[in-house]
C-alpha atoms as a PDB file:
ATOM      1  CA  MET A   1       0.000   0.000   0.000  1.00  0.00           C
ATOM      2  CA  PHE A   2       1.331   3.429  -0.920  1.00  0.00           C
ATOM      3  CA  VAL A   3      -1.178   6.167  -1.707  1.00  0.00           C
ATOM      4  CA  GLY A   4      -3.735   4.460   0.523  1.00  0.00           C
ATOM      5  CA  HIS A   5      -1.677   5.467   3.566  1.00  0.00           C
ATOM      6  CA  TYR A   6      -1.703   9.097   2.476  1.00  0.00           C
ATOM      7  CA  ALA A   7      -5.462   8.820   1.941  1.00  0.00           C
ATOM      8  CA  VAL A   8      -5.844   7.894   5.610  1.00  0.00           C
ATOM      9  CA  GLY A   9      -3.833  10.943   6.659  1.00  0.00           C
ATOM     10  CA  LEU A  10      -5.946  13.255   4.524  1.00  0.00           C
ATOM     11  CA  ALA A  11      -9.215  11.786   5.788  1.00  0.00           C
ATOM     12  CA  ALA A  12      -8.007  12.030   9.402  1.00  0.00           C
ATOM     13  CA  LYS A  13      -8.381  15.811   9.180  1.00  0.00           C
ATOM     14  CA  ARG A  14     -12.109  15.188   9.621  1.00  0.00           C
ATOM     15  CA  PHE A  15     -11.516  13.632  13.029  1.00  0.00           C
ATOM     16  CA  GLY A  16      -8.623  15.779  14.248  1.00  0.00           C
ATOM     17  CA  PRO A  17      -9.258  19.140  12.591  1.00  0.00           C
ATOM     18  CA  LYS A  18      -6.910  21.047  14.901  1.00  0.00           C
ATOM     19  CA  THR A  19      -4.010  18.706  14.163  1.00  0.00           C
ATOM     20  CA  SER A  20      -1.608  19.699  11.401  1.00  0.00           C
ATOM     21  CA  LEU A  21      -1.892  17.576   8.290  1.00  0.00           C
ATOM     22  CA  GLY A  22       1.861  17.048   8.607  1.00  0.00           C
ATOM     23  CA  ILE A  23       1.265  15.029  11.785  1.00  0.00           C
ATOM     24  CA  LEU A  24      -1.755  13.250  10.325  1.00  0.00           C
ATOM     25  CA  ILE A  25       0.269  12.230   7.257  1.00  0.00           C
ATOM     26  CA  ALA A  26       3.239  11.171   9.403  1.00  0.00           C
ATOM     27  CA  ALA A  27       1.089   8.759  11.425  1.00  0.00           C
ATOM     28  CA  PRO A  28       0.120   6.308   8.643  1.00  0.00           C
ATOM     29  CA  ILE A  29       3.562   6.402   6.979  1.00  0.00           C
ATOM     30  CA  VAL A  30       5.735   6.245  10.110  1.00  0.00           C
ATOM     31  CA  LEU A  31       6.165   2.455   9.832  1.00  0.00           C
ATOM     32  CA  ASP A  32       7.517   2.939   6.310  1.00  0.00           C
ATOM     33  CA  LEU A  33      10.023   5.380   7.775  1.00  0.00           C
ATOM     34  CA  LEU A  34      11.042   2.920  10.479  1.00  0.00           C
ATOM     35  CA  TRP A  35      11.701  -0.198   8.406  1.00  0.00           C
ATOM     36  CA  PRO A  36      14.228   1.435   6.028  1.00  0.00           C
ATOM     37  CA  ILE A  37      16.277   2.548   9.043  1.00  0.00           C
ATOM     38  CA  LEU A  38      16.055  -0.924  10.569  1.00  0.00           C
ATOM     39  CA  VAL A  39      17.058  -2.484   7.236  1.00  0.00           C
ATOM     40  CA  LEU A  40      20.067  -0.181   6.915  1.00  0.00           C
ATOM     41  CA  ILE A  41      21.314  -1.119  10.400  1.00  0.00           C
ATOM     42  CA  GLY A  42      20.631  -4.814   9.812  1.00  0.00           C
ATOM     43  CA  TRP A  43      17.799  -5.345  12.292  1.00  0.00           C
ATOM     44  CA  GLU A  44      15.228  -6.122   9.615  1.00  0.00           C
ATOM     45  CA  HIS A  45      15.613  -7.693   6.183  1.00  0.00           C
ATOM     46  CA  VAL A  46      14.083  -7.223   2.756  1.00  0.00           C
ATOM     47  CA  SER A  47      15.056  -8.658  -0.628  1.00  0.00           C
ATOM     48  CA  ILE A  48      14.489  -7.471  -4.189  1.00  0.00           C
ATOM     49  CA  VAL A  49      13.190 -10.189  -6.494  1.00  0.00           C
ATOM     50  CA  ALA A  50      12.453 -10.287 -10.219  1.00  0.00           C
ATOM     51  CA  ASN A  51       8.731 -10.089 -10.881  1.00  0.00           C
ATOM     52  CA  PRO A  52       6.674  -8.454 -13.650  1.00  0.00           C
ATOM     53  CA  ASN A  53       4.206  -7.348 -10.986  1.00  0.00           C
ATOM     54  CA  PRO A  54       5.769  -4.197  -9.451  1.00  0.00           C
ATOM     55  CA  PHE A  55       4.003  -4.786  -6.144  1.00  0.00           C
ATOM     56  CA  LEU A  56       5.717  -8.138  -5.706  1.00  0.00           C
ATOM     57  CA  ARG A  57       9.307  -7.049  -6.299  1.00  0.00           C
ATOM     58  CA  LEU A  58       9.962  -6.571  -2.603  1.00  0.00           C
ATOM     59  CA  GLN A  59      10.202  -9.656  -0.454  1.00  0.00           C
ATOM     60  CA  PHE A  60       9.883  -8.736   3.214  1.00  0.00           C
ATOM     61  CA  ASP A  61      11.973 -11.438   4.841  1.00  0.00           C
ATOM     62  CA  SER A  62      11.789 -10.184   8.436  1.00  0.00           C
ATOM     63  CA  TYR A  63      10.342  -6.968   9.846  1.00  0.00           C
ATOM     64  CA  PRO A  64       8.677  -7.693  13.196  1.00  0.00           C
ATOM     65  CA  ILE A  65       9.949  -4.499  14.846  1.00  0.00           C
ATOM     66  CA  SER A  66       8.320  -2.158  12.363  1.00  0.00           C
ATOM     67  CA  HIS A  67       5.425  -4.289  11.082  1.00  0.00           C
ATOM     68  CA  GLY A  68       4.595  -6.882  13.725  1.00  0.00           C
ATOM     69  CA  LEU A  69       1.060  -6.144  14.930  1.00  0.00           C
ATOM     70  CA  LEU A  70       2.041  -6.044  18.595  1.00  0.00           C
ATOM     71  CA  ALA A  71       4.920  -3.686  17.824  1.00  0.00           C
ATOM     72  CA  VAL A  72       2.663  -1.513  15.647  1.00  0.00           C
ATOM     73  CA  ILE A  73       0.246  -1.061  18.538  1.00  0.00           C
ATOM     74  CA  GLY A  74       3.217  -0.077  20.673  1.00  0.00           C
ATOM     75  CA  TRP A  75       4.468   2.440  18.096  1.00  0.00           C
ATOM     76  CA  ALA A  76       0.961   3.870  17.746  1.00  0.00           C
ATOM     77  CA  THR A  77       0.634   4.296  21.490  1.00  0.00           C
ATOM     78  CA  LEU A  78       4.086   5.882  21.735  1.00  0.00           C
ATOM     79  CA  PHE A  79       3.521   8.438  18.982  1.00  0.00           C
ATOM     80  CA  ALA A  80      -0.027   9.260  20.084  1.00  0.00           C
ATOM     81  CA  SER A  81       1.203   9.736  23.659  1.00  0.00           C
ATOM     82  CA  ILE A  82       4.004  12.048  22.527  1.00  0.00           C
ATOM     83  CA  TYR A  83       1.560  14.060  20.468  1.00  0.00           C
ATOM     84  CA  PHE A  84      -0.950  14.305  23.318  1.00  0.00           C
ATOM     85  CA  GLY A  85       1.784  15.291  25.740  1.00  0.00           C
ATOM     86  CA  LEU A  86       2.799  18.165  23.473  1.00  0.00           C
ATOM     87  CA  ALA A  87      -0.572  19.270  22.081  1.00  0.00           C
ATOM     88  CA  ARG A  88      -3.040  18.243  24.813  1.00  0.00           C
ATOM     89  CA  TYR A  89      -5.554  17.500  22.065  1.00  0.00           C
ATOM     90  CA  LEU A  90      -7.308  14.170  22.593  1.00  0.00           C
ATOM     91  CA  ALA A  91      -9.070  13.983  19.218  1.00  0.00           C
ATOM     92  CA  GLY A  92      -5.762  14.542  17.464  1.00  0.00           C
ATOM     93  CA  ALA A  93      -4.018  11.919  19.589  1.00  0.00           C
ATOM     94  CA  ILE A  94      -6.720   9.374  18.750  1.00  0.00           C
ATOM     95  CA  ALA A  95      -6.392  10.239  15.051  1.00  0.00           C
ATOM     96  CA  VAL A  96      -2.623   9.701  15.291  1.00  0.00           C
ATOM     97  CA  TRP A  97      -3.064   6.334  17.047  1.00  0.00           C
ATOM     98  CA  VAL A  98      -5.608   5.127  14.491  1.00  0.00           C
ATOM     99  CA  GLY A  99      -3.430   6.411  11.661  1.00  0.00           C
ATOM    100  CA  VAL A 100      -0.428   4.346  12.749  1.00  0.00           C
ATOM    101  CA  VAL A 101      -2.496   1.183  13.275  1.00  0.00           C
ATOM    102  CA  SER A 102      -4.289   1.711   9.953  1.00  0.00           C
ATOM    103  CA  HIS A 103      -0.955   1.120   8.224  1.00  0.00           C
ATOM    104  CA  TRP A 104      -0.892  -2.504   9.413  1.00  0.00           C
ATOM    105  CA  VAL A 105      -4.552  -3.004   8.512  1.00  0.00           C
ATOM    106  CA  LEU A 106      -4.071  -1.753   4.952  1.00  0.00           C
ATOM    107  CA  ASP A 107      -0.868  -3.738   4.583  1.00  0.00           C
ATOM    108  CA  TYR A 108      -2.753  -6.830   5.768  1.00  0.00           C
ATOM    109  CA  VAL A 109      -5.141  -6.367   2.849  1.00  0.00           C
ATOM    110  CA  VAL A 110      -2.487  -5.964   0.142  1.00  0.00           C
ATOM    111  CA  HIS A 111       0.536  -7.975   1.326  1.00  0.00           C
ATOM    112  CA  ARG A 112       1.016 -11.636   0.678  1.00  0.00           C
ATOM    113  CA  PRO A 113       1.367 -13.532   3.973  1.00  0.00           C
ATOM    114  CA  ASP A 114       4.490 -11.875   5.422  1.00  0.00           C
ATOM    115  CA  LEU A 115       3.120  -9.779   8.299  1.00  0.00           C
ATOM    116  CA  PRO A 116       3.896 -11.194  11.750  1.00  0.00           C
ATOM    117  CA  LEU A 117       1.778 -10.704  14.838  1.00  0.00           C
ATOM    118  CA  ARG A 118       4.901 -10.340  16.974  1.00  0.00           C
ATOM    119  CA  ALA A 119       8.615 -11.093  16.938  1.00  0.00           C
ATOM    120  CA  GLY A 120       9.339 -14.824  16.896  1.00  0.00           C
ATOM    121  CA  ASP A 121       5.844 -15.776  15.734  1.00  0.00           C
ATOM    122  CA  SER A 122       5.864 -18.130  12.763  1.00  0.00           C
ATOM    123  CA  ARG A 123       2.328 -17.172  11.739  1.00  0.00           C
ATOM    124  CA  LEU A 124       2.402 -14.706   8.862  1.00  0.00           C
ATOM    125  CA  LEU A 125      -0.659 -12.847   7.642  1.00  0.00           C
ATOM    126  CA  GLY A 126      -1.763 -11.069   4.477  1.00  0.00           C
ATOM    127  CA  LEU A 127      -4.698 -11.282   2.081  1.00  0.00           C
ATOM    128  CA  GLY A 128      -2.548 -10.791  -1.018  1.00  0.00           C
ATOM    129  CA  LEU A 129      -4.385  -8.106  -2.970  1.00  0.00           C
ATOM    130  CA  TRP A 130      -1.010  -7.229  -4.495  1.00  0.00           C
ATOM    131  CA  ASN A 131      -1.346 -10.400  -6.583  1.00  0.00           C
ATOM    132  CA  LYS A 132      -4.019  -8.528  -8.554  1.00  0.00           C
ATOM    133  CA  ARG A 133      -2.076  -5.561  -9.852  1.00  0.00           C
ATOM    134  CA  TRP A 134      -4.781  -3.432 -11.434  1.00  0.00           C
ATOM    135  CA  ILE A 135      -7.364  -4.095  -8.751  1.00  0.00           C
ATOM    136  CA  THR A 136      -4.756  -2.847  -6.265  1.00  0.00           C
ATOM    137  CA  VAL A 137      -4.253   0.313  -8.303  1.00  0.00           C
ATOM    138  CA  ALA A 138      -8.006   0.898  -8.508  1.00  0.00           C
ATOM    139  CA  VAL A 139      -8.457   0.401  -4.762  1.00  0.00           C
ATOM    140  CA  GLU A 140      -5.587   2.718  -3.857  1.00  0.00           C
ATOM    141  CA  LEU A 141      -6.635   5.495  -6.207  1.00  0.00           C
ATOM    142  CA  THR A 142     -10.204   5.229  -4.934  1.00  0.00           C
ATOM    143  CA  LEU A 143      -8.951   5.568  -1.364  1.00  0.00           C
ATOM    144  CA  LEU A 144      -6.888   8.593  -2.377  1.00  0.00           C
ATOM    145  CA  ALA A 145      -9.893  10.200  -4.077  1.00  0.00           C
ATOM    146  CA  VAL A 146     -11.940   9.707  -0.907  1.00  0.00           C
ATOM    147  CA  GLY A 147      -9.150  11.130   1.247  1.00  0.00           C
ATOM    148  CA  VAL A 148      -8.802  14.182  -1.006  1.00  0.00           C
ATOM    149  CA  ALA A 149     -12.580  14.725  -0.993  1.00  0.00           C
ATOM    150  CA  VAL A 150     -12.761  14.520   2.809  1.00  0.00           C
ATOM    151  CA  TYR A 151      -9.856  16.933   3.222  1.00  0.00           C
ATOM    152  CA  LEU A 152     -11.369  19.423   0.756  1.00  0.00           C
ATOM    153  CA  PHE A 153     -14.736  19.157   2.492  1.00  0.00           C
ATOM    154  CA  GLN A 154     -13.084  19.804   5.844  1.00  0.00           C
ATOM    155  CA  THR A 155     -10.788  22.686   4.835  1.00  0.00           C
ATOM    156  CA  ARG A 156     -10.527  25.605   2.448  1.00  0.00           C
ATOM    157  CA  ALA A 157      -7.533  27.513   1.148  1.00  0.00           C
ATOM    158  CA  LYS A 158      -6.684  30.863   2.733  1.00  0.00           C
ATOM    159  CA  ASP A 159      -4.367  31.803  -0.125  1.00  0.00           C
ATOM    160  CA  LYS A 160      -2.695  30.434  -3.250  1.00  0.00           C
ATOM    161  CA  ILE A 161      -0.224  28.356  -1.260  1.00  0.00           C
ATOM    162  CA  GLY A 162      -3.097  26.546   0.416  1.00  0.00           C
ATOM    163  CA  SER A 163      -4.679  25.855  -2.948  1.00  0.00           C
ATOM    164  CA  PHE A 164      -1.791  25.141  -5.294  1.00  0.00           C
ATOM    165  CA  GLY A 165       0.379  23.595  -2.584  1.00  0.00           C
ATOM    166  CA  PHE A 166      -2.275  20.981  -1.900  1.00  0.00           C
ATOM    167  CA  GLY A 167      -2.720  20.339  -5.620  1.00  0.00           C
ATOM    168  CA  ALA A 168       1.028  19.858  -6.028  1.00  0.00           C
ATOM    169  CA  PHE A 169       1.043  17.442  -3.084  1.00  0.00           C
ATOM    170  CA  VAL A 170      -1.572  15.228  -4.722  1.00  0.00           C
ATOM    171  CA  VAL A 171       0.123  15.383  -8.134  1.00  0.00           C
ATOM    172  CA  VAL A 172       3.504  14.399  -6.674  1.00  0.00           C
ATOM    173  CA  ILE A 173       1.998  11.454  -4.792  1.00  0.00           C
ATOM    174  CA  ILE A 174       0.266  10.175  -7.937  1.00  0.00           C
ATOM    175  CA  ALA A 175       3.428  10.686 -10.023  1.00  0.00           C
ATOM    176  CA  LEU A 176       5.523   8.684  -7.567  1.00  0.00           C
ATOM    177  CA  TYR A 177       2.885   5.977  -7.512  1.00  0.00           C
ATOM    178  CA  GLY A 178       3.080   5.845 -11.292  1.00  0.00           C
ATOM    179  CA  ALA A 179       6.852   5.473 -11.036  1.00  0.00           C
ATOM    180  CA  VAL A 180       6.338   2.477  -8.745  1.00  0.00           C
ATOM    181  CA  ILE A 181       3.832   0.883 -11.122  1.00  0.00           C
ATOM    182  CA  PHE A 182       5.655   1.472 -14.397  1.00  0.00           C
ATOM    183  CA  GLY A 183       9.269   1.982 -13.334  1.00  0.00           C
ATOM    184  CA  PRO A 184      12.064  -0.545 -12.803  1.00  0.00           C
ATOM    185  CA  ALA A 185      12.807  -2.354  -9.574  1.00  0.00           C
ATOM    186  CA  PRO A 186      15.195  -0.650  -7.116  1.00  0.00           C
ATOM    187  CA  PRO A 187      18.805  -1.589  -7.974  1.00  0.00           C
ATOM    188  CA  THR A 188      19.884  -2.393  -4.406  1.00  0.00           C
ATOM    189  CA  VAL A 189      18.324  -2.776  -0.989  1.00  0.00           C
ATOM    190  CA  ASN A 190      20.287   0.178   0.373  1.00  0.00           C
ATOM    191  CA  LYS A 191      19.067   2.471  -2.407  1.00  0.00           C
ATOM    192  CA  LEU A 192      15.549   1.172  -1.801  1.00  0.00           C
ATOM    193  CA  ALA A 193      15.791   2.035   1.892  1.00  0.00           C
ATOM    194  CA  ILE A 194      17.205   5.498   1.238  1.00  0.00           C
ATOM    195  CA  GLY A 195      14.506   6.163  -1.357  1.00  0.00           C
ATOM    196  CA  ALA A 196      11.822   5.063   1.095  1.00  0.00           C
ATOM    197  CA  LEU A 197      13.173   7.485   3.698  1.00  0.00           C
ATOM    198  CA  ALA A 198      12.688  10.313   1.204  1.00  0.00           C
ATOM    199  CA  SER A 199       8.943  10.036   1.887  1.00  0.00           C
ATOM    200  CA  LEU A 200       9.712  11.908   5.109  1.00  0.00           C
ATOM    201  CA  LEU A 201       9.698  15.051   2.948  1.00  0.00           C
ATOM    202  CA  PHE A 202       5.931  14.733   2.599  1.00  0.00           C
ATOM    203  CA  VAL A 203       5.526  15.568   6.283  1.00  0.00           C
ATOM    204  CA  PRO A 204       6.847  19.169   6.177  1.00  0.00           C
ATOM    205  CA  PHE A 205       5.276  19.561   2.732  1.00  0.00           C
ATOM    206  CA  ALA A 206       1.844  18.699   4.185  1.00  0.00           C
ATOM    207  CA  TRP A 207       2.430  20.904   7.241  1.00  0.00           C
ATOM    208  CA  TRP A 208       3.351  23.816   4.946  1.00  0.00           C
ATOM    209  CA  PHE A 209       0.296  23.937   2.713  1.00  0.00           C
ATOM    210  CA  ASP A 210      -2.062  22.884   5.522  1.00  0.00           C
ATOM    211  CA  SER A 211      -0.968  25.955   7.503  1.00  0.00           C
ATOM    212  CA  HIS A 212      -2.308  27.997   4.590  1.00  0.00           C
ATOM    213  CA  ARG A 213      -5.743  26.387   4.854  1.00  0.00           C
ATOM    214  CA  GLU A 214      -8.488  26.691   7.446  1.00  0.00           C
ATOM    215  CA  GLY A 215     -11.433  24.668   8.629  1.00  0.00           C
ATOM    216  CA  ARG A 216     -14.704  25.315   6.834  1.00  0.00           C
ATOM    217  CA  ASP A 217     -16.595  25.261  10.149  1.00  0.00           C
ATOM    218  CA  ARG A 218     -14.344  28.025  11.426  1.00  0.00           C
ATOM    219  CA  THR A 219     -15.006  30.101   8.321  1.00  0.00           C
ATOM    220  CA  ALA A 220     -18.753  29.705   8.739  1.00  0.00           C
ATOM    221  CA  HIS A 221     -18.498  30.630  12.429  1.00  0.00           C
ATOM    222  CA  ASP A 222     -16.479  33.742  11.600  1.00  0.00           C
ATOM    223  CA  SER A 223     -19.054  34.787   9.000  1.00  0.00           C
ATOM    224  CA  GLU A 224     -21.866  34.430  11.516  1.00  0.00           C
ATOM    225  CA  GLY A 225     -19.886  36.517  13.970  1.00  0.00           C
ATOM    226  CA  VAL A 226     -19.552  39.318  11.421  1.00  0.00           C
ATOM    227  CA  LYS A 227     -23.290  39.267  10.741  1.00  0.00           C
ATOM    228  CA  ASP A 228     -24.123  39.348  14.464  1.00  0.00           C
ATOM    229  CA  SER A 229     -21.833  42.313  15.084  1.00  0.00           C
ATOM    230  CA  SER A 230     -23.462  44.259  12.272  1.00  0.00           C
END
């Protein structure tokens, strides 16, 4: 799952409207920022295999620290607790927790059985939607469309940065997804891991344009206030 995780972050704005989209985007992709680091230091392992299906070119040999269900719940609780400790915003903390856990749920749908419940557990889970390449693409793009619609319904641009910045964000995500679908396999595991870490750039990108947008409820409230004062 790729754009589906970003769809969750966008839709989460409905449930944590005061939370920056940067945080809401970081939550569902944080596991994909953890495993590249763990691969680079040798704590987790992934292989690149030849396969005409681009979704099946990565073989996740061992990643219980970043993608074991028990560990994911722990990561979700840790990041939600840090956020709540800093922001004191319960709805946002819940959105962060759900966002992190949603990563495992979506991966469970698309991965072939390679997701562990915990470290040392031989049971591996996954429904294998990735085996059906174009159905996967359709599902992910549908999720992204829903996420975009929810975010647009929840917020409105305050200026051109809020408008065009958000549009650029969506275009870049779709372009990178196209590169995954139609491009070649990563040449080495290390380059794969470093490339995956580049997705961290989406976090400040989302924070930036989201700070140039405002909630539609707030706008309506402000308009009512102006009418009342007149």
